[in-house]
Amino acid sequence: MKNNILWAFLFFAFTAKSQNQRFIYDVQYKKDSTSHILTKENYILDIIKNDVLYYTRDFFVADSLISNNIPFPKDIKLNTSNIISHQIGNNSFDEYDLFENTVLKLQTSSSQNWKLTEEKKQIKNITLQKATTYWGGRNWIAWFTPEIPLQEGPYKFHGLPGLIVEIYDAKNNYKFELVKIIQINQIVNNQFITMSKQMSIPVTWEKYKETKLKYYASPISFIRNGAPTGKNDQFYLNDGTIVNAGNLKEINQNLRNNIKKYNNPIELDKAIQYP
């Protein structure tokens, strides 16, 4: 547990009456389940009155840059995967996923059947209680604190009698750990998240899978259709790679290989089966 959240708990009793809270989580995960390499990112869980929003910290950083008139690289595209919203006490979730210039909106119903245990651990003056569940094709272990009476957590995890402070799966593919709590005094809409929601296209699960498979069949076609072309019909990938007639076939195959290799979603039972 990161030490910088400890002070937040000390002051939470004074701020709990506020309806607007921001919880920042460290997320470590394996893009490839067969590898030992871990990727680490920060995700934000905003609880604004009855609305809950979970998104990557990159959106917060990008919005801050624009709001403070600091140049934001034009060739960088933010990935809207894992923008998830729902309302407190509701099992219905809206998920937003980006395929280049197209944002797909998928509505799902998700809840966990938690088994509370008597096992507890103490971190200074914070009491955490253990709970377990089988959900999304994985066995999960969660540690929550009733001292923060919010039945929420990172991603779609919710329904425990207290905020989820730490949660990980039994095979260590994913680990979420709360590192900071911030009281939000002034609500400012994130323009990137707002734009993603506004341009999103509602799809069914079957249509979503179909689009994923179509993307896998020819990633370059999706990218080229949405990217401005330059000299000799060349264009750029997000990492700055120049794509042209000479390397198009090779890059297309590399992208296909990566899609198939890095196919280890949080909800393992919803992993797309690529040919």
C-alpha atoms as a PDB file:
ATOM      1  CA  MET A   1       0.000   0.000   0.000  1.00  0.00           C
ATOM      2  CA  LYS A   2       1.366   3.370  -0.963  1.00  0.00           C
ATOM      3  CA  ASN A   3       2.061   5.654   2.005  1.00  0.00           C
ATOM      4  CA  ASN A   4       0.656   8.725   0.263  1.00  0.00           C
ATOM      5  CA  ILE A   5      -2.938   7.516   0.713  1.00  0.00           C
ATOM      6  CA  LEU A   6      -2.641   7.265   4.473  1.00  0.00           C
ATOM      7  CA  TRP A   7      -3.054  10.973   5.132  1.00  0.00           C
ATOM      8  CA  ALA A   8      -6.146  10.940   2.943  1.00  0.00           C
ATOM      9  CA  PHE A   9      -7.889   8.498   5.253  1.00  0.00           C
ATOM     10  CA  LEU A  10      -7.097  10.693   8.252  1.00  0.00           C
ATOM     11  CA  PHE A  11      -8.946  13.590   6.683  1.00  0.00           C
ATOM     12  CA  PHE A  12     -11.691  11.626   4.971  1.00  0.00           C
ATOM     13  CA  ALA A  13     -13.998  11.911   7.978  1.00  0.00           C
ATOM     14  CA  PHE A  14     -13.951  15.677   7.449  1.00  0.00           C
ATOM     15  CA  THR A  15     -14.651  15.451   3.734  1.00  0.00           C
ATOM     16  CA  ALA A  16     -17.018  12.479   3.587  1.00  0.00           C
ATOM     17  CA  LYS A  17     -20.004  14.803   3.521  1.00  0.00           C
ATOM     18  CA  SER A  18     -18.786  16.097   0.179  1.00  0.00           C
ATOM     19  CA  GLN A  19     -20.523  14.397  -2.706  1.00  0.00           C
ATOM     20  CA  ASN A  20     -17.579  14.875  -5.051  1.00  0.00           C
ATOM     21  CA  GLN A  21     -14.529  12.660  -4.609  1.00  0.00           C
ATOM     22  CA  ARG A  22     -11.656  11.539  -6.846  1.00  0.00           C
ATOM     23  CA  PHE A  23      -9.843   8.256  -6.194  1.00  0.00           C
ATOM     24  CA  ILE A  24      -6.605   7.523  -8.026  1.00  0.00           C
ATOM     25  CA  TYR A  25      -5.533   3.925  -8.549  1.00  0.00           C
ATOM     26  CA  ASP A  26      -2.267   2.379  -9.652  1.00  0.00           C
ATOM     27  CA  VAL A  27      -3.088  -0.382 -12.112  1.00  0.00           C
ATOM     28  CA  GLN A  28      -0.519  -3.070 -12.929  1.00  0.00           C
ATOM     29  CA  TYR A  29      -1.398  -5.659 -15.540  1.00  0.00           C
ATOM     30  CA  LYS A  30      -0.064  -8.093 -18.104  1.00  0.00           C
ATOM     31  CA  LYS A  31      -0.894  -7.252 -21.692  1.00  0.00           C
ATOM     32  CA  ASP A  32       0.280 -10.758 -22.554  1.00  0.00           C
ATOM     33  CA  SER A  33      -0.843 -13.400 -20.054  1.00  0.00           C
ATOM     34  CA  THR A  34       2.097 -15.646 -20.987  1.00  0.00           C
ATOM     35  CA  SER A  35       4.643 -12.951 -20.111  1.00  0.00           C
ATOM     36  CA  HIS A  36       6.015 -11.739 -16.769  1.00  0.00           C
ATOM     37  CA  ILE A  37       6.196  -8.145 -18.047  1.00  0.00           C
ATOM     38  CA  LEU A  38       3.873  -5.756 -16.209  1.00  0.00           C
ATOM     39  CA  THR A  39       2.466  -2.512 -17.560  1.00  0.00           C
ATOM     40  CA  LYS A  40       1.671   0.206 -15.036  1.00  0.00           C
ATOM     41  CA  GLU A  41      -0.861   3.007 -15.478  1.00  0.00           C
ATOM     42  CA  ASN A  42      -2.859   5.416 -13.329  1.00  0.00           C
ATOM     43  CA  TYR A  43      -6.640   5.387 -13.479  1.00  0.00           C
ATOM     44  CA  ILE A  44      -9.095   7.824 -11.936  1.00  0.00           C
ATOM     45  CA  LEU A  45     -12.416   7.019 -10.310  1.00  0.00           C
ATOM     46  CA  ASP A  46     -14.590  10.130 -10.003  1.00  0.00           C
ATOM     47  CA  ILE A  47     -17.731  10.019  -7.882  1.00  0.00           C
ATOM     48  CA  ILE A  48     -19.785  13.144  -8.533  1.00  0.00           C
ATOM     49  CA  LYS A  49     -23.055  12.981  -6.609  1.00  0.00           C
ATOM     50  CA  ASN A  50     -24.650   9.817  -8.069  1.00  0.00           C
ATOM     51  CA  ASP A  51     -22.462   9.552 -11.161  1.00  0.00           C
ATOM     52  CA  VAL A  52     -19.380   7.309 -11.267  1.00  0.00           C
ATOM     53  CA  LEU A  53     -16.724   7.677 -13.973  1.00  0.00           C
ATOM     54  CA  TYR A  54     -13.590   5.549 -14.432  1.00  0.00           C
ATOM     55  CA  TYR A  55     -10.911   6.588 -16.928  1.00  0.00           C
ATOM     56  CA  THR A  56      -7.186   6.681 -17.598  1.00  0.00           C
ATOM     57  CA  ARG A  57      -5.193   9.544 -16.082  1.00  0.00           C
ATOM     58  CA  ASP A  58      -4.012  10.459 -19.605  1.00  0.00           C
ATOM     59  CA  PHE A  59      -7.352  12.186 -20.147  1.00  0.00           C
ATOM     60  CA  PHE A  60      -6.868  14.302 -17.038  1.00  0.00           C
ATOM     61  CA  VAL A  61      -3.348  15.287 -18.116  1.00  0.00           C
ATOM     62  CA  ALA A  62      -4.430  16.123 -21.666  1.00  0.00           C
ATOM     63  CA  ASP A  63      -7.346  18.215 -20.453  1.00  0.00           C
ATOM     64  CA  SER A  64      -5.062  20.111 -18.047  1.00  0.00           C
ATOM     65  CA  LEU A  65      -2.637  20.902 -20.862  1.00  0.00           C
ATOM     66  CA  ILE A  66      -5.356  22.339 -23.058  1.00  0.00           C
ATOM     67  CA  SER A  67      -7.018  24.240 -20.218  1.00  0.00           C
ATOM     68  CA  ASN A  68      -3.702  25.908 -19.356  1.00  0.00           C
ATOM     69  CA  ASN A  69      -2.885  26.722 -23.010  1.00  0.00           C
ATOM     70  CA  ILE A  70       0.015  24.282 -23.076  1.00  0.00           C
ATOM     71  CA  PRO A  71       0.504  22.760 -26.548  1.00  0.00           C
ATOM     72  CA  PHE A  72      -0.744  19.206 -26.913  1.00  0.00           C
ATOM     73  CA  PRO A  73       0.883  17.082 -29.631  1.00  0.00           C
ATOM     74  CA  LYS A  74      -1.512  16.942 -32.582  1.00  0.00           C
ATOM     75  CA  ASP A  75      -0.311  13.539 -33.723  1.00  0.00           C
ATOM     76  CA  ILE A  76      -1.211  11.815 -30.428  1.00  0.00           C
ATOM     77  CA  LYS A  77      -4.598  10.120 -30.196  1.00  0.00           C
ATOM     78  CA  LEU A  78      -6.019   9.276 -26.793  1.00  0.00           C
ATOM     79  CA  ASN A  79      -7.283   5.737 -26.434  1.00  0.00           C
ATOM     80  CA  THR A  80     -10.768   5.768 -24.936  1.00  0.00           C
ATOM     81  CA  SER A  81     -10.690   2.110 -23.940  1.00  0.00           C
ATOM     82  CA  ASN A  82     -11.779   1.743 -20.330  1.00  0.00           C
ATOM     83  CA  ILE A  83     -13.856   4.897 -20.088  1.00  0.00           C
ATOM     84  CA  ILE A  84     -16.630   3.431 -17.987  1.00  0.00           C
ATOM     85  CA  SER A  85     -19.582   5.181 -16.394  1.00  0.00           C
ATOM     86  CA  HIS A  86     -22.557   4.181 -14.295  1.00  0.00           C
ATOM     87  CA  GLN A  87     -24.687   5.468 -11.451  1.00  0.00           C
ATOM     88  CA  ILE A  88     -24.326   4.537  -7.795  1.00  0.00           C
ATOM     89  CA  GLY A  89     -26.473   1.547  -6.938  1.00  0.00           C
ATOM     90  CA  ASN A  90     -26.951   0.608 -10.597  1.00  0.00           C
ATOM     91  CA  ASN A  91     -25.502  -2.458 -12.343  1.00  0.00           C
ATOM     92  CA  SER A  92     -25.809  -0.922 -15.811  1.00  0.00           C
ATOM     93  CA  PHE A  93     -22.516   0.341 -17.276  1.00  0.00           C
ATOM     94  CA  ASP A  94     -21.622   2.356 -20.361  1.00  0.00           C
ATOM     95  CA  GLU A  95     -18.236   1.474 -21.895  1.00  0.00           C
ATOM     96  CA  TYR A  96     -16.450   3.489 -24.567  1.00  0.00           C
ATOM     97  CA  ASP A  97     -13.884   1.989 -26.917  1.00  0.00           C
ATOM     98  CA  LEU A  98     -12.029   3.758 -29.733  1.00  0.00           C
ATOM     99  CA  PHE A  99     -11.241   2.347 -33.148  1.00  0.00           C
ATOM    100  CA  GLU A 100      -9.177   5.197 -34.551  1.00  0.00           C
ATOM    101  CA  ASN A 101     -11.808   7.885 -35.296  1.00  0.00           C
ATOM    102  CA  THR A 102     -14.803   5.780 -34.264  1.00  0.00           C
ATOM    103  CA  VAL A 103     -15.940   5.464 -30.652  1.00  0.00           C
ATOM    104  CA  LEU A 104     -18.111   2.456 -29.859  1.00  0.00           C
ATOM    105  CA  LYS A 105     -20.481   2.577 -26.910  1.00  0.00           C
ATOM    106  CA  LEU A 106     -21.291  -0.749 -25.319  1.00  0.00           C
ATOM    107  CA  GLN A 107     -23.921  -1.098 -22.590  1.00  0.00           C
ATOM    108  CA  THR A 108     -23.413  -3.956 -20.164  1.00  0.00           C
ATOM    109  CA  SER A 109     -24.876  -5.182 -16.906  1.00  0.00           C
ATOM    110  CA  SER A 110     -22.240  -6.184 -14.365  1.00  0.00           C
ATOM    111  CA  SER A 111     -22.290  -7.185 -10.721  1.00  0.00           C
ATOM    112  CA  GLN A 112     -20.129  -9.362  -8.490  1.00  0.00           C
ATOM    113  CA  ASN A 113     -21.328 -12.041  -6.093  1.00  0.00           C
ATOM    114  CA  TRP A 114     -19.028 -11.191  -3.192  1.00  0.00           C
ATOM    115  CA  LYS A 115     -18.099 -13.557  -0.393  1.00  0.00           C
ATOM    116  CA  LEU A 116     -17.039 -11.602   2.679  1.00  0.00           C
ATOM    117  CA  THR A 117     -14.451 -13.171   4.962  1.00  0.00           C
ATOM    118  CA  GLU A 118     -13.491 -12.428   8.549  1.00  0.00           C
ATOM    119  CA  GLU A 119      -9.900 -11.769   7.486  1.00  0.00           C
ATOM    120  CA  LYS A 120      -8.740  -8.219   8.079  1.00  0.00           C
ATOM    121  CA  LYS A 121      -5.504  -6.296   7.920  1.00  0.00           C
ATOM    122  CA  GLN A 122      -4.451  -3.039   9.456  1.00  0.00           C
ATOM    123  CA  ILE A 123      -2.456  -0.307   7.759  1.00  0.00           C
ATOM    124  CA  LYS A 124      -1.684   2.178  10.520  1.00  0.00           C
ATOM    125  CA  ASN A 125      -5.180   3.281  11.554  1.00  0.00           C
ATOM    126  CA  ILE A 126      -6.958   1.888   8.494  1.00  0.00           C
ATOM    127  CA  THR A 127      -8.867  -1.386   8.687  1.00  0.00           C
ATOM    128  CA  LEU A 128      -9.297  -3.376   5.497  1.00  0.00           C
ATOM    129  CA  GLN A 129     -11.516  -6.431   5.158  1.00  0.00           C
ATOM    130  CA  LYS A 130     -11.060  -9.229   2.624  1.00  0.00           C
ATOM    131  CA  ALA A 131     -13.695 -10.354   0.118  1.00  0.00           C
ATOM    132  CA  THR A 132     -13.533 -12.751  -2.806  1.00  0.00           C
ATOM    133  CA  THR A 133     -15.496 -13.382  -5.979  1.00  0.00           C
ATOM    134  CA  TYR A 134     -15.368 -15.253  -9.270  1.00  0.00           C
ATOM    135  CA  TRP A 135     -16.216 -12.786 -12.013  1.00  0.00           C
ATOM    136  CA  GLY A 136     -15.265 -12.184 -15.621  1.00  0.00           C
ATOM    137  CA  GLY A 137     -13.536 -15.545 -15.872  1.00  0.00           C
ATOM    138  CA  ARG A 138     -11.121 -14.802 -13.015  1.00  0.00           C
ATOM    139  CA  ASN A 139     -10.910 -15.325  -9.254  1.00  0.00           C
ATOM    140  CA  TRP A 140     -10.595 -11.952  -7.491  1.00  0.00           C
ATOM    141  CA  ILE A 141      -9.386 -10.983  -4.025  1.00  0.00           C
ATOM    142  CA  ALA A 142     -10.487  -7.563  -2.788  1.00  0.00           C
ATOM    143  CA  TRP A 143      -9.651  -5.509   0.284  1.00  0.00           C
ATOM    144  CA  PHE A 144     -12.190  -2.839   1.153  1.00  0.00           C
ATOM    145  CA  THR A 145     -12.682  -0.409   4.006  1.00  0.00           C
ATOM    146  CA  PRO A 146     -16.068   0.257   5.645  1.00  0.00           C
ATOM    147  CA  GLU A 147     -14.482   3.493   6.886  1.00  0.00           C
ATOM    148  CA  ILE A 148     -15.270   4.939   3.456  1.00  0.00           C
ATOM    149  CA  PRO A 149     -18.949   4.030   3.003  1.00  0.00           C
ATOM    150  CA  LEU A 150     -18.973   4.055  -0.789  1.00  0.00           C
ATOM    151  CA  GLN A 151     -19.875   0.778  -2.501  1.00  0.00           C
ATOM    152  CA  GLU A 152     -17.582   1.468  -5.441  1.00  0.00           C
ATOM    153  CA  GLY A 153     -14.161   0.518  -6.776  1.00  0.00           C
ATOM    154  CA  PRO A 154     -12.026   0.599  -9.905  1.00  0.00           C
ATOM    155  CA  TYR A 155     -13.284  -0.595 -13.287  1.00  0.00           C
ATOM    156  CA  LYS A 156     -16.696  -2.301 -12.797  1.00  0.00           C
ATOM    157  CA  PHE A 157     -15.997  -3.627  -9.307  1.00  0.00           C
ATOM    158  CA  HIS A 158     -18.669  -2.485  -6.859  1.00  0.00           C
ATOM    159  CA  GLY A 159     -21.213  -3.663  -4.317  1.00  0.00           C
ATOM    160  CA  LEU A 160     -19.045  -4.161  -1.231  1.00  0.00           C
ATOM    161  CA  PRO A 161     -19.954  -2.345   2.032  1.00  0.00           C
ATOM    162  CA  GLY A 162     -17.082   0.102   1.619  1.00  0.00           C
ATOM    163  CA  LEU A 163     -14.671   1.460  -0.968  1.00  0.00           C
ATOM    164  CA  ILE A 164     -12.393  -1.107  -2.624  1.00  0.00           C
ATOM    165  CA  VAL A 165      -8.836  -0.102  -1.740  1.00  0.00           C
ATOM    166  CA  GLU A 166      -7.037  -3.039  -3.360  1.00  0.00           C
ATOM    167  CA  ILE A 167      -8.137  -5.794  -5.729  1.00  0.00           C
ATOM    168  CA  TYR A 168      -6.208  -8.378  -7.740  1.00  0.00           C
ATOM    169  CA  ASP A 169      -6.821 -11.669  -9.502  1.00  0.00           C
ATOM    170  CA  ALA A 170      -5.436 -14.978  -8.237  1.00  0.00           C
ATOM    171  CA  LYS A 171      -2.989 -15.321 -11.141  1.00  0.00           C
ATOM    172  CA  ASN A 172      -1.620 -11.771 -10.793  1.00  0.00           C
ATOM    173  CA  ASN A 173      -2.679 -10.611 -14.229  1.00  0.00           C
ATOM    174  CA  TYR A 174      -4.291  -7.473 -12.799  1.00  0.00           C
ATOM    175  CA  LYS A 175      -3.817  -5.475  -9.627  1.00  0.00           C
ATOM    176  CA  PHE A 176      -5.592  -2.230  -8.685  1.00  0.00           C
ATOM    177  CA  GLU A 177      -4.331  -0.250  -5.706  1.00  0.00           C
ATOM    178  CA  LEU A 178      -5.700   3.007  -4.328  1.00  0.00           C
ATOM    179  CA  VAL A 179      -2.921   5.584  -3.953  1.00  0.00           C
ATOM    180  CA  LYS A 180      -4.645   8.929  -3.460  1.00  0.00           C
ATOM    181  CA  ILE A 181      -7.960  10.540  -2.524  1.00  0.00           C
ATOM    182  CA  ILE A 182      -8.851  14.071  -3.605  1.00  0.00           C
ATOM    183  CA  GLN A 183     -11.889  16.152  -2.737  1.00  0.00           C
ATOM    184  CA  ILE A 184     -13.284  17.832  -5.862  1.00  0.00           C
ATOM    185  CA  ASN A 185     -14.358  21.355  -4.957  1.00  0.00           C
ATOM    186  CA  GLN A 186     -15.060  22.530  -8.480  1.00  0.00           C
ATOM    187  CA  ILE A 187     -16.553  20.262 -11.127  1.00  0.00           C
ATOM    188  CA  VAL A 188     -14.988  20.763 -14.554  1.00  0.00           C
ATOM    189  CA  ASN A 189     -16.030  18.610 -17.482  1.00  0.00           C
ATOM    190  CA  ASN A 190     -13.176  16.800 -19.197  1.00  0.00           C
ATOM    191  CA  GLN A 191     -13.434  17.844 -22.834  1.00  0.00           C
ATOM    192  CA  PHE A 192     -11.867  14.634 -24.214  1.00  0.00           C
ATOM    193  CA  ILE A 193     -14.269  12.396 -22.321  1.00  0.00           C
ATOM    194  CA  THR A 194     -17.203  14.621 -23.253  1.00  0.00           C
ATOM    195  CA  MET A 195     -16.198  14.519 -26.926  1.00  0.00           C
ATOM    196  CA  SER A 196     -15.792  10.720 -26.860  1.00  0.00           C
ATOM    197  CA  LYS A 197     -19.263  10.312 -25.412  1.00  0.00           C
ATOM    198  CA  GLN A 198     -20.808  12.713 -27.896  1.00  0.00           C
ATOM    199  CA  MET A 199     -19.307  10.993 -30.945  1.00  0.00           C
ATOM    200  CA  SER A 200     -19.925   7.451 -29.692  1.00  0.00           C
ATOM    201  CA  ILE A 201     -22.009   4.933 -31.646  1.00  0.00           C
ATOM    202  CA  PRO A 202     -24.149   2.506 -29.583  1.00  0.00           C
ATOM    203  CA  VAL A 203     -23.511  -1.128 -30.526  1.00  0.00           C
ATOM    204  CA  THR A 204     -24.646  -4.544 -29.337  1.00  0.00           C
ATOM    205  CA  TRP A 205     -22.131  -7.074 -28.029  1.00  0.00           C
ATOM    206  CA  GLU A 206     -22.375  -9.019 -31.294  1.00  0.00           C
ATOM    207  CA  LYS A 207     -21.719  -5.879 -33.346  1.00  0.00           C
ATOM    208  CA  TYR A 208     -18.838  -4.994 -31.043  1.00  0.00           C
ATOM    209  CA  LYS A 209     -17.193  -8.404 -31.585  1.00  0.00           C
ATOM    210  CA  GLU A 210     -17.790  -8.120 -35.323  1.00  0.00           C
ATOM    211  CA  THR A 211     -16.037  -4.728 -35.392  1.00  0.00           C
ATOM    212  CA  LYS A 212     -13.115  -6.085 -33.363  1.00  0.00           C
ATOM    213  CA  LEU A 213     -12.649  -8.960 -35.792  1.00  0.00           C
ATOM    214  CA  LYS A 214     -12.938  -6.631 -38.766  1.00  0.00           C
ATOM    215  CA  TYR A 215     -10.292  -4.393 -37.235  1.00  0.00           C
ATOM    216  CA  TYR A 216      -8.033  -7.407 -36.701  1.00  0.00           C
ATOM    217  CA  ALA A 217      -8.497  -8.516 -40.318  1.00  0.00           C
ATOM    218  CA  SER A 218      -6.848  -5.296 -41.544  1.00  0.00           C
ATOM    219  CA  PRO A 219      -5.793  -2.747 -38.888  1.00  0.00           C
ATOM    220  CA  ILE A 220      -4.128  -0.572 -41.522  1.00  0.00           C
ATOM    221  CA  SER A 221      -7.414  -0.149 -43.388  1.00  0.00           C
ATOM    222  CA  PHE A 222      -9.056   1.277 -40.253  1.00  0.00           C
ATOM    223  CA  ILE A 223      -6.130   3.573 -39.547  1.00  0.00           C
ATOM    224  CA  ARG A 224      -5.730   4.770 -43.136  1.00  0.00           C
ATOM    225  CA  ASN A 225      -9.438   5.552 -43.483  1.00  0.00           C
ATOM    226  CA  GLY A 226      -9.319   7.854 -40.488  1.00  0.00           C
ATOM    227  CA  ALA A 227      -5.841   9.368 -40.885  1.00  0.00           C
ATOM    228  CA  PRO A 228      -4.853  12.276 -43.141  1.00  0.00           C
ATOM    229  CA  THR A 229      -2.462  11.135 -45.860  1.00  0.00           C
ATOM    230  CA  GLY A 230       0.604  12.988 -46.995  1.00  0.00           C
ATOM    231  CA  LYS A 231       3.141  12.578 -49.734  1.00  0.00           C
ATOM    232  CA  ASN A 232       2.893   9.261 -51.569  1.00  0.00           C
ATOM    233  CA  ASP A 233      -0.247   8.429 -49.535  1.00  0.00           C
ATOM    234  CA  GLN A 234       1.851   7.927 -46.421  1.00  0.00           C
ATOM    235  CA  PHE A 235       0.442   8.405 -42.932  1.00  0.00           C
ATOM    236  CA  TYR A 236       1.514   8.036 -39.300  1.00  0.00           C
ATOM    237  CA  LEU A 237       0.734   5.618 -36.506  1.00  0.00           C
ATOM    238  CA  ASN A 238       0.301   6.884 -32.944  1.00  0.00           C
ATOM    239  CA  ASP A 239       3.904   5.980 -32.132  1.00  0.00           C
ATOM    240  CA  GLY A 240       5.194   8.106 -35.014  1.00  0.00           C
ATOM    241  CA  THR A 241       5.857   5.220 -37.428  1.00  0.00           C
ATOM    242  CA  ILE A 242       5.520   6.291 -41.055  1.00  0.00           C
ATOM    243  CA  VAL A 243       3.376   3.932 -43.124  1.00  0.00           C
ATOM    244  CA  ASN A 244       3.714   3.892 -46.896  1.00  0.00           C
ATOM    245  CA  ALA A 245       3.391   1.484 -49.806  1.00  0.00           C
ATOM    246  CA  GLY A 246       6.825  -0.006 -49.056  1.00  0.00           C
ATOM    247  CA  ASN A 247       6.127  -1.147 -45.479  1.00  0.00           C
ATOM    248  CA  LEU A 248       2.336  -1.311 -45.355  1.00  0.00           C
ATOM    249  CA  LYS A 249       2.088  -5.108 -45.561  1.00  0.00           C
ATOM    250  CA  GLU A 250       4.732  -5.681 -42.877  1.00  0.00           C
ATOM    251  CA  ILE A 251       3.237  -3.155 -40.458  1.00  0.00           C
ATOM    252  CA  ASN A 252      -0.250  -4.531 -41.006  1.00  0.00           C
ATOM    253  CA  GLN A 253       0.968  -8.006 -40.035  1.00  0.00           C
ATOM    254  CA  ASN A 254       2.845  -6.652 -37.007  1.00  0.00           C
ATOM    255  CA  LEU A 255      -0.313  -4.934 -35.807  1.00  0.00           C
ATOM    256  CA  ARG A 256      -2.299  -8.142 -36.259  1.00  0.00           C
ATOM    257  CA  ASN A 257       0.312 -10.073 -34.279  1.00  0.00           C
ATOM    258  CA  ASN A 258       0.136  -7.553 -31.429  1.00  0.00           C
ATOM    259  CA  ILE A 259      -3.658  -7.628 -31.303  1.00  0.00           C
ATOM    260  CA  LYS A 260      -3.598 -11.388 -30.960  1.00  0.00           C
ATOM    261  CA  LYS A 261      -0.681 -11.412 -28.503  1.00  0.00           C
ATOM    262  CA  TYR A 262      -1.938  -8.670 -26.198  1.00  0.00           C
ATOM    263  CA  ASN A 263      -5.376 -10.172 -25.724  1.00  0.00           C
ATOM    264  CA  ASN A 264      -5.668 -10.368 -21.947  1.00  0.00           C
ATOM    265  CA  PRO A 265      -8.693  -8.252 -20.932  1.00  0.00           C
ATOM    266  CA  ILE A 266      -9.853  -7.773 -17.356  1.00  0.00           C
ATOM    267  CA  GLU A 267     -12.975  -9.776 -18.184  1.00  0.00           C
ATOM    268  CA  LEU A 268     -11.255 -12.870 -19.535  1.00  0.00           C
ATOM    269  CA  ASP A 269     -14.526 -14.517 -20.485  1.00  0.00           C
ATOM    270  CA  LYS A 270     -15.096 -11.688 -22.983  1.00  0.00           C
ATOM    271  CA  ALA A 271     -11.741 -12.066 -24.753  1.00  0.00           C
ATOM    272  CA  ILE A 272     -12.223 -11.980 -28.536  1.00  0.00           C
ATOM    273  CA  GLN A 273     -11.115 -15.222 -30.201  1.00  0.00           C
ATOM    274  CA  TYR A 274      -8.949 -14.030 -33.081  1.00  0.00           C
ATOM    275  CA  PRO A 275      -8.249 -16.533 -35.902  1.00  0.00           C
END
